[in-house]
Amino acid sequence: MISAMTGSWLIVKWIGIAVGMGYMALLVVVLLRFRGRLSQLRPTLILPVVIGSFVGEAVPNLFFENVPVRRACFVAASVIYVYGLATLARGLSQKGQKGLLKEDGAEDHIQPLKLS
């Protein structure tokens, strides 16, 4: 049986853990900064947490029981967290953090149906 803690995998694992922790910390900063306007935050900021957690934890535990698949799922989840980290960093770097909030548009309001 192959141990999950051997060789170069240890380095990959700690890099993935650092990326995930960095993303979660930055997400907490954003949530605290915009706590009065949480409903205006874009869903793409939180979606990587949901998808990354599902891929990293649920897929290997529910569907597969071998080490290579577990490792592949962990790396895939880390890539998803890197995408979330890049999205948060890009949104915070924009003037006024406008990349983090939804814009007022048709997606936020119910449009009346014109029948005539």
Protein backbone atom coordinates (compact mmCIF):
# COMPACT_ATOMS: atom_id res chain seq x y z
CA MET A 1 0.00 0.00 0.00
CA ILE A 2 1.29 3.44 -0.94
CA SER A 3 1.37 5.97 1.86
CA ALA A 4 -0.20 9.34 1.17
CA MET A 5 2.72 11.11 2.90
CA THR A 6 5.79 10.10 0.89
CA GLY A 7 8.29 11.78 -1.39
CA SER A 8 7.54 14.87 -3.42
CA TRP A 9 3.85 14.52 -2.68
CA LEU A 10 4.51 16.16 0.69
CA ILE A 11 5.69 19.35 -1.04
CA VAL A 12 2.69 19.38 -3.39
CA LYS A 13 0.36 18.81 -0.47
CA TRP A 14 1.76 21.71 1.57
CA ILE A 15 1.63 24.04 -1.43
CA GLY A 16 -2.03 23.08 -1.93
CA ILE A 17 -2.78 23.63 1.76
CA ALA A 18 -1.08 27.06 1.66
CA VAL A 19 -3.07 28.08 -1.43
CA GLY A 20 -6.34 26.95 0.19
CA MET A 21 -5.58 28.77 3.42
CA GLY A 22 -4.61 31.94 1.54
CA TYR A 23 -7.86 31.85 -0.42
CA MET A 24 -9.93 31.30 2.71
CA ALA A 25 -8.14 34.13 4.56
CA LEU A 26 -8.64 36.55 1.68
CA LEU A 27 -12.29 35.50 1.42
CA VAL A 28 -12.79 36.25 5.14
CA VAL A 29 -11.22 39.70 4.63
CA VAL A 30 -13.63 40.40 1.75
CA LEU A 31 -16.65 39.16 3.71
CA LEU A 32 -15.73 41.33 6.69
CA ARG A 33 -15.11 44.36 4.49
CA PHE A 34 -18.48 44.03 2.75
CA ARG A 35 -20.51 42.62 5.65
CA GLY A 36 -23.19 45.28 5.18
CA ARG A 37 -23.59 44.40 1.49
CA LEU A 38 -23.22 40.62 1.40
CA SER A 39 -26.17 40.23 -0.95
CA GLN A 40 -24.38 42.40 -3.52
CA LEU A 41 -21.25 40.21 -3.68
CA ARG A 42 -20.76 38.21 -6.85
CA PRO A 43 -21.46 34.47 -6.53
CA THR A 44 -18.15 33.70 -8.26
CA LEU A 45 -16.36 34.70 -5.05
CA ILE A 46 -17.89 31.89 -2.97
CA LEU A 47 -18.37 29.27 -5.69
CA PRO A 48 -14.73 28.05 -5.63
CA VAL A 49 -15.15 27.14 -1.94
CA VAL A 50 -18.15 24.97 -2.70
CA ILE A 51 -16.73 23.30 -5.81
CA GLY A 52 -13.21 22.93 -4.40
CA SER A 53 -14.48 21.37 -1.18
CA PHE A 54 -16.69 18.97 -3.11
CA VAL A 55 -13.89 17.91 -5.46
CA GLY A 56 -11.27 17.71 -2.72
CA GLU A 57 -13.27 15.96 -0.02
CA ALA A 58 -16.54 14.45 -1.24
CA VAL A 59 -15.47 12.93 -4.56
CA PRO A 60 -12.59 10.82 -3.18
CA ASN A 61 -14.52 9.78 -0.07
CA LEU A 62 -17.79 8.88 -1.76
CA PHE A 63 -16.75 7.48 -5.11
CA PHE A 64 -13.11 6.37 -4.98
CA GLU A 65 -10.96 4.81 -2.30
CA ASN A 66 -7.48 4.71 -3.82
CA VAL A 67 -4.55 7.06 -3.22
CA PRO A 68 -3.87 8.25 -6.81
CA VAL A 69 -7.46 9.43 -7.26
CA ARG A 70 -7.37 11.14 -3.87
CA ARG A 71 -4.19 12.96 -4.89
CA ALA A 72 -5.62 13.99 -8.26
CA CYS A 73 -8.75 15.34 -6.58
CA PHE A 74 -6.62 17.29 -4.09
CA VAL A 75 -4.61 18.88 -6.91
CA ALA A 76 -7.83 19.70 -8.82
CA ALA A 77 -9.28 21.35 -5.71
CA SER A 78 -6.07 23.36 -5.29
CA VAL A 79 -6.36 24.60 -8.88
CA ILE A 80 -9.94 25.68 -8.17
CA TYR A 81 -8.72 27.56 -5.07
CA VAL A 82 -6.03 29.30 -7.18
CA TYR A 83 -8.80 30.48 -9.52
CA GLY A 84 -10.76 31.81 -6.52
CA LEU A 85 -7.66 33.51 -5.14
CA ALA A 86 -7.00 35.18 -8.50
CA THR A 87 -10.63 36.33 -8.73
CA LEU A 88 -10.49 37.88 -5.25
CA ALA A 89 -7.13 39.53 -5.84
CA ARG A 90 -8.28 40.98 -9.17
CA GLY A 91 -11.47 42.31 -7.59
CA LEU A 92 -9.63 43.88 -4.67
CA SER A 93 -7.08 45.52 -6.95
CA GLN A 94 -9.71 47.37 -8.99
CA LYS A 95 -10.53 50.92 -8.00
CA GLY A 96 -13.34 50.87 -5.46
CA GLN A 97 -13.36 47.06 -5.48
CA LYS A 98 -16.07 47.16 -8.17
CA GLY A 99 -15.07 43.71 -9.39
CA LEU A 100 -16.42 42.16 -6.20
CA LEU A 101 -19.93 43.60 -6.33
CA LYS A 102 -22.74 42.93 -8.75
CA GLU A 103 -23.57 45.79 -11.02
CA ASP A 104 -27.08 47.19 -11.00
CA GLY A 105 -28.69 45.60 -13.98
CA ALA A 106 -31.42 43.31 -15.20
CA GLU A 107 -30.10 40.35 -13.21
CA ASP A 108 -30.99 42.02 -9.90
CA HIS A 109 -34.48 43.20 -10.76
CA ILE A 110 -37.64 41.57 -12.06
CA GLN A 111 -38.42 42.99 -15.47
CA PRO A 112 -42.07 43.68 -16.31
CA LEU A 113 -43.52 41.65 -19.15
CA LYS A 114 -44.63 43.80 -22.09
CA LEU A 115 -47.58 42.19 -23.82
CA SER A 116 -48.46 44.93 -26.30
